[in-house]
Amino acid sequence: MEQLIDKKNKKLEALLWSIALPGFAQLLNEKYIKGLLFVGLEIIVNVMGNFNKIIILSYHGNIQGAIEQTNYQWLMFYPCLYFFTMWDAYRDASDDHEPFIFLPFVFGAYFVTLGLIFSPSFSIFGFLIGPMWLPIFCLPIGLVIGFILRRILLKKYS
């Protein structure tokens, strides 16, 4: 029982550190080159895409300002980098490789990217959602689709 809790704890710890900053979990998992590469890529894409400015403007309700600050050419890389580092950290934290566990991460990245693409023009009741909130709202759809596909494939191949 204690070993099972240890495994789950290690996976959760890696996942949460990776959510905090891509690359941190790789450093925790002693994958130093990969971790430093991911941290560096995260910083480059974050700065070039103006992501921190977008976050601040979005929290202050200035969605139009956030849209104007967004460098979509750079920020489009962010969801795939972000979710890949989470998947990689989760996988490295585990000795047993769960079949098809990548699917929720992949579809999460797809749908966050779609949210980002449509963020300058998608509105609800006349209110723009913006380049931070719309991708976040699209994430659960991608995760659910990924988990459903994983379940289907697990049943098919078991």
C-alpha atoms as a PDB file:
ATOM      1  CA  MET A   1       0.000   0.000   0.000  1.00  0.00           C
ATOM      2  CA  GLU A   2       2.799   2.420   0.931  1.00  0.00           C
ATOM      3  CA  GLN A   3       4.576   1.703  -2.370  1.00  0.00           C
ATOM      4  CA  LEU A   4       1.383   2.515  -4.315  1.00  0.00           C
ATOM      5  CA  ILE A   5       0.996   5.824  -2.457  1.00  0.00           C
ATOM      6  CA  ASP A   6       4.666   6.598  -3.165  1.00  0.00           C
ATOM      7  CA  LYS A   7       4.157   6.022  -6.922  1.00  0.00           C
ATOM      8  CA  LYS A   8       0.986   8.132  -7.021  1.00  0.00           C
ATOM      9  CA  ASN A   9       2.657  10.858  -4.959  1.00  0.00           C
ATOM     10  CA  LYS A  10       5.662  10.948  -7.304  1.00  0.00           C
ATOM     11  CA  LYS A  11       3.430  11.246 -10.389  1.00  0.00           C
ATOM     12  CA  LEU A  12       1.282  13.944  -8.805  1.00  0.00           C
ATOM     13  CA  GLU A  13       4.336  15.856  -7.600  1.00  0.00           C
ATOM     14  CA  ALA A  14       5.872  15.765 -11.102  1.00  0.00           C
ATOM     15  CA  LEU A  15       2.605  16.838 -12.698  1.00  0.00           C
ATOM     16  CA  LEU A  16       2.091  19.763 -10.308  1.00  0.00           C
ATOM     17  CA  TRP A  17       5.684  21.027 -10.631  1.00  0.00           C
ATOM     18  CA  SER A  18       5.361  20.812 -14.398  1.00  0.00           C
ATOM     19  CA  ILE A  19       2.154  22.843 -14.248  1.00  0.00           C
ATOM     20  CA  ALA A  20       3.970  25.445 -12.128  1.00  0.00           C
ATOM     21  CA  LEU A  21       6.777  25.794 -14.685  1.00  0.00           C
ATOM     22  CA  PRO A  22       7.568  23.434 -17.544  1.00  0.00           C
ATOM     23  CA  GLY A  23      10.922  21.776 -16.916  1.00  0.00           C
ATOM     24  CA  PHE A  24      10.826  21.868 -13.109  1.00  0.00           C
ATOM     25  CA  ALA A  25       9.560  18.295 -12.888  1.00  0.00           C
ATOM     26  CA  GLN A  26      12.268  17.070 -15.245  1.00  0.00           C
ATOM     27  CA  LEU A  27      14.820  18.646 -12.900  1.00  0.00           C
ATOM     28  CA  LEU A  28      13.066  16.925  -9.987  1.00  0.00           C
ATOM     29  CA  ASN A  29      13.246  13.631 -11.914  1.00  0.00           C
ATOM     30  CA  GLU A  30      17.007  14.237 -12.399  1.00  0.00           C
ATOM     31  CA  LYS A  31      16.677  14.773 -16.164  1.00  0.00           C
ATOM     32  CA  TYR A  32      18.805  17.912 -16.020  1.00  0.00           C
ATOM     33  CA  ILE A  33      19.491  18.574 -19.701  1.00  0.00           C
ATOM     34  CA  LYS A  34      15.861  18.038 -20.639  1.00  0.00           C
ATOM     35  CA  GLY A  35      14.696  20.112 -17.674  1.00  0.00           C
ATOM     36  CA  LEU A  36      16.940  23.061 -18.493  1.00  0.00           C
ATOM     37  CA  LEU A  37      15.923  22.860 -22.142  1.00  0.00           C
ATOM     38  CA  PHE A  38      12.225  22.944 -21.219  1.00  0.00           C
ATOM     39  CA  VAL A  39      12.681  25.812 -18.752  1.00  0.00           C
ATOM     40  CA  GLY A  40      14.602  27.753 -21.405  1.00  0.00           C
ATOM     41  CA  LEU A  41      11.995  27.079 -24.099  1.00  0.00           C
ATOM     42  CA  GLU A  42       9.201  28.057 -21.729  1.00  0.00           C
ATOM     43  CA  ILE A  43      10.877  31.364 -20.939  1.00  0.00           C
ATOM     44  CA  ILE A  44      11.565  32.128 -24.619  1.00  0.00           C
ATOM     45  CA  VAL A  45       8.021  31.329 -25.775  1.00  0.00           C
ATOM     46  CA  ASN A  46       6.519  33.122 -22.758  1.00  0.00           C
ATOM     47  CA  VAL A  47       8.522  36.301 -23.376  1.00  0.00           C
ATOM     48  CA  MET A  48       8.162  36.300 -27.164  1.00  0.00           C
ATOM     49  CA  GLY A  49       4.422  35.603 -26.947  1.00  0.00           C
ATOM     50  CA  ASN A  50       3.938  38.316 -24.260  1.00  0.00           C
ATOM     51  CA  PHE A  51       2.192  35.734 -22.107  1.00  0.00           C
ATOM     52  CA  ASN A  52       2.819  37.387 -18.736  1.00  0.00           C
ATOM     53  CA  LYS A  53       1.377  40.670 -20.056  1.00  0.00           C
ATOM     54  CA  ILE A  54      -1.634  38.749 -21.368  1.00  0.00           C
ATOM     55  CA  ILE A  55      -2.192  37.126 -17.974  1.00  0.00           C
ATOM     56  CA  ILE A  56      -2.036  40.440 -16.121  1.00  0.00           C
ATOM     57  CA  LEU A  57      -4.340  42.209 -18.591  1.00  0.00           C
ATOM     58  CA  SER A  58      -6.796  39.293 -18.529  1.00  0.00           C
ATOM     59  CA  TYR A  59      -6.995  39.248 -14.735  1.00  0.00           C
ATOM     60  CA  HIS A  60      -7.694  42.981 -14.821  1.00  0.00           C
ATOM     61  CA  GLY A  61     -10.512  42.405 -17.313  1.00  0.00           C
ATOM     62  CA  ASN A  62      -8.744  44.162 -20.201  1.00  0.00           C
ATOM     63  CA  ILE A  63      -9.415  41.446 -22.775  1.00  0.00           C
ATOM     64  CA  GLN A  64      -8.978  43.711 -25.802  1.00  0.00           C
ATOM     65  CA  GLY A  65      -5.610  44.824 -24.445  1.00  0.00           C
ATOM     66  CA  ALA A  66      -4.628  41.187 -23.927  1.00  0.00           C
ATOM     67  CA  ILE A  67      -5.586  40.377 -27.524  1.00  0.00           C
ATOM     68  CA  GLU A  68      -3.543  43.328 -28.791  1.00  0.00           C
ATOM     69  CA  GLN A  69      -0.493  42.207 -26.774  1.00  0.00           C
ATOM     70  CA  THR A  70      -0.673  38.595 -27.953  1.00  0.00           C
ATOM     71  CA  ASN A  71       1.992  37.465 -30.376  1.00  0.00           C
ATOM     72  CA  TYR A  72       0.067  34.510 -31.785  1.00  0.00           C
ATOM     73  CA  GLN A  73       3.026  33.333 -33.890  1.00  0.00           C
ATOM     74  CA  TRP A  74       4.954  32.593 -30.699  1.00  0.00           C
ATOM     75  CA  LEU A  75       2.142  31.774 -28.293  1.00  0.00           C
ATOM     76  CA  MET A  76       0.852  28.994 -30.561  1.00  0.00           C
ATOM     77  CA  PHE A  77       3.887  26.939 -29.443  1.00  0.00           C
ATOM     78  CA  TYR A  78       2.984  27.268 -25.770  1.00  0.00           C
ATOM     79  CA  PRO A  79       0.164  24.686 -25.396  1.00  0.00           C
ATOM     80  CA  CYS A  80       2.117  21.860 -27.027  1.00  0.00           C
ATOM     81  CA  LEU A  81       5.286  22.671 -25.089  1.00  0.00           C
ATOM     82  CA  TYR A  82       3.324  22.955 -21.847  1.00  0.00           C
ATOM     83  CA  PHE A  83       1.391  19.701 -22.202  1.00  0.00           C
ATOM     84  CA  PHE A  84       4.359  17.779 -23.596  1.00  0.00           C
ATOM     85  CA  THR A  85       6.440  18.700 -20.553  1.00  0.00           C
ATOM     86  CA  MET A  86       3.596  17.618 -18.258  1.00  0.00           C
ATOM     87  CA  TRP A  87       3.240  14.275 -20.034  1.00  0.00           C
ATOM     88  CA  ASP A  88       6.996  13.743 -20.072  1.00  0.00           C
ATOM     89  CA  ALA A  89       7.286  14.507 -16.346  1.00  0.00           C
ATOM     90  CA  TYR A  90       4.363  12.229 -15.505  1.00  0.00           C
ATOM     91  CA  ARG A  91       5.841   9.402 -17.582  1.00  0.00           C
ATOM     92  CA  ASP A  92       9.341   9.825 -16.125  1.00  0.00           C
ATOM     93  CA  ALA A  93       7.957   9.774 -12.578  1.00  0.00           C
ATOM     94  CA  SER A  94       6.538   6.309 -13.141  1.00  0.00           C
ATOM     95  CA  ASP A  95       8.221   2.965 -13.634  1.00  0.00           C
ATOM     96  CA  ASP A  96       5.117   1.473 -15.199  1.00  0.00           C
ATOM     97  CA  HIS A  97       4.094   3.113 -18.446  1.00  0.00           C
ATOM     98  CA  GLU A  98       0.331   3.328 -18.565  1.00  0.00           C
ATOM     99  CA  PRO A  99      -0.985   2.588 -22.059  1.00  0.00           C
ATOM    100  CA  PHE A 100      -2.441   5.550 -23.957  1.00  0.00           C
ATOM    101  CA  ILE A 101      -1.897   7.941 -21.021  1.00  0.00           C
ATOM    102  CA  PHE A 102      -0.611  10.485 -23.515  1.00  0.00           C
ATOM    103  CA  LEU A 103      -4.075  10.979 -25.039  1.00  0.00           C
ATOM    104  CA  PRO A 104      -5.517  13.409 -22.436  1.00  0.00           C
ATOM    105  CA  PHE A 105      -2.323  15.482 -22.636  1.00  0.00           C
ATOM    106  CA  VAL A 106      -2.356  15.536 -26.451  1.00  0.00           C
ATOM    107  CA  PHE A 107      -6.037  16.434 -26.735  1.00  0.00           C
ATOM    108  CA  GLY A 108      -5.650  18.999 -23.949  1.00  0.00           C
ATOM    109  CA  ALA A 109      -2.911  20.651 -26.044  1.00  0.00           C
ATOM    110  CA  TYR A 110      -5.049  20.480 -29.213  1.00  0.00           C
ATOM    111  CA  PHE A 111      -8.045  22.124 -27.624  1.00  0.00           C
ATOM    112  CA  VAL A 112      -6.056  24.790 -25.776  1.00  0.00           C
ATOM    113  CA  THR A 113      -4.432  25.626 -29.129  1.00  0.00           C
ATOM    114  CA  LEU A 114      -7.869  25.851 -30.763  1.00  0.00           C
ATOM    115  CA  GLY A 115      -9.008  28.148 -27.969  1.00  0.00           C
ATOM    116  CA  LEU A 116      -6.015  30.364 -28.592  1.00  0.00           C
ATOM    117  CA  ILE A 117      -6.673  30.449 -32.347  1.00  0.00           C
ATOM    118  CA  PHE A 118     -10.284  31.586 -31.882  1.00  0.00           C
ATOM    119  CA  SER A 119      -9.622  33.866 -28.904  1.00  0.00           C
ATOM    120  CA  PRO A 120      -9.482  37.194 -30.787  1.00  0.00           C
ATOM    121  CA  SER A 121     -12.984  36.752 -32.179  1.00  0.00           C
ATOM    122  CA  PHE A 122     -14.908  34.301 -29.969  1.00  0.00           C
ATOM    123  CA  SER A 123     -17.391  35.964 -27.668  1.00  0.00           C
ATOM    124  CA  ILE A 124     -20.196  34.866 -25.382  1.00  0.00           C
ATOM    125  CA  PHE A 125     -23.151  37.242 -25.112  1.00  0.00           C
ATOM    126  CA  GLY A 126     -21.041  39.912 -26.798  1.00  0.00           C
ATOM    127  CA  PHE A 127     -18.077  39.566 -24.412  1.00  0.00           C
ATOM    128  CA  LEU A 128     -14.699  38.526 -25.764  1.00  0.00           C
ATOM    129  CA  ILE A 129     -13.165  35.699 -23.754  1.00  0.00           C
ATOM    130  CA  GLY A 130      -9.579  36.416 -24.775  1.00  0.00           C
ATOM    131  CA  PRO A 131      -6.275  34.611 -25.272  1.00  0.00           C
ATOM    132  CA  MET A 132      -5.955  33.437 -21.691  1.00  0.00           C
ATOM    133  CA  TRP A 133      -9.482  32.474 -20.661  1.00  0.00           C
ATOM    134  CA  LEU A 134     -10.785  30.825 -23.858  1.00  0.00           C
ATOM    135  CA  PRO A 135      -7.905  28.303 -24.019  1.00  0.00           C
ATOM    136  CA  ILE A 136      -8.473  27.493 -20.336  1.00  0.00           C
ATOM    137  CA  PHE A 137     -12.194  26.967 -20.979  1.00  0.00           C
ATOM    138  CA  CYS A 138     -11.352  24.658 -23.927  1.00  0.00           C
ATOM    139  CA  LEU A 139      -9.026  22.480 -21.851  1.00  0.00           C
ATOM    140  CA  PRO A 140     -11.703  20.321 -20.142  1.00  0.00           C
ATOM    141  CA  ILE A 141     -13.173  19.425 -23.544  1.00  0.00           C
ATOM    142  CA  GLY A 142      -9.782  18.173 -24.728  1.00  0.00           C
ATOM    143  CA  LEU A 143      -9.130  16.266 -21.509  1.00  0.00           C
ATOM    144  CA  VAL A 144     -12.527  14.559 -21.616  1.00  0.00           C
ATOM    145  CA  ILE A 145     -12.065  13.557 -25.270  1.00  0.00           C
ATOM    146  CA  GLY A 146      -8.577  12.247 -24.472  1.00  0.00           C
ATOM    147  CA  PHE A 147      -9.798  10.187 -21.508  1.00  0.00           C
ATOM    148  CA  ILE A 148     -12.735   8.814 -23.528  1.00  0.00           C
ATOM    149  CA  LEU A 149     -10.445   7.790 -26.405  1.00  0.00           C
ATOM    150  CA  ARG A 150      -8.037   6.228 -23.911  1.00  0.00           C
ATOM    151  CA  ARG A 151     -10.842   4.230 -22.323  1.00  0.00           C
ATOM    152  CA  ILE A 152     -12.061   3.056 -25.747  1.00  0.00           C
ATOM    153  CA  LEU A 153      -8.564   1.975 -26.788  1.00  0.00           C
ATOM    154  CA  LEU A 154      -7.905   0.239 -23.467  1.00  0.00           C
ATOM    155  CA  LYS A 155     -11.122  -1.770 -23.876  1.00  0.00           C
ATOM    156  CA  LYS A 156     -10.315  -2.565 -27.498  1.00  0.00           C
ATOM    157  CA  TYR A 157      -6.803  -3.845 -26.736  1.00  0.00           C
ATOM    158  CA  SER A 158      -7.478  -5.615 -23.413  1.00  0.00           C
END
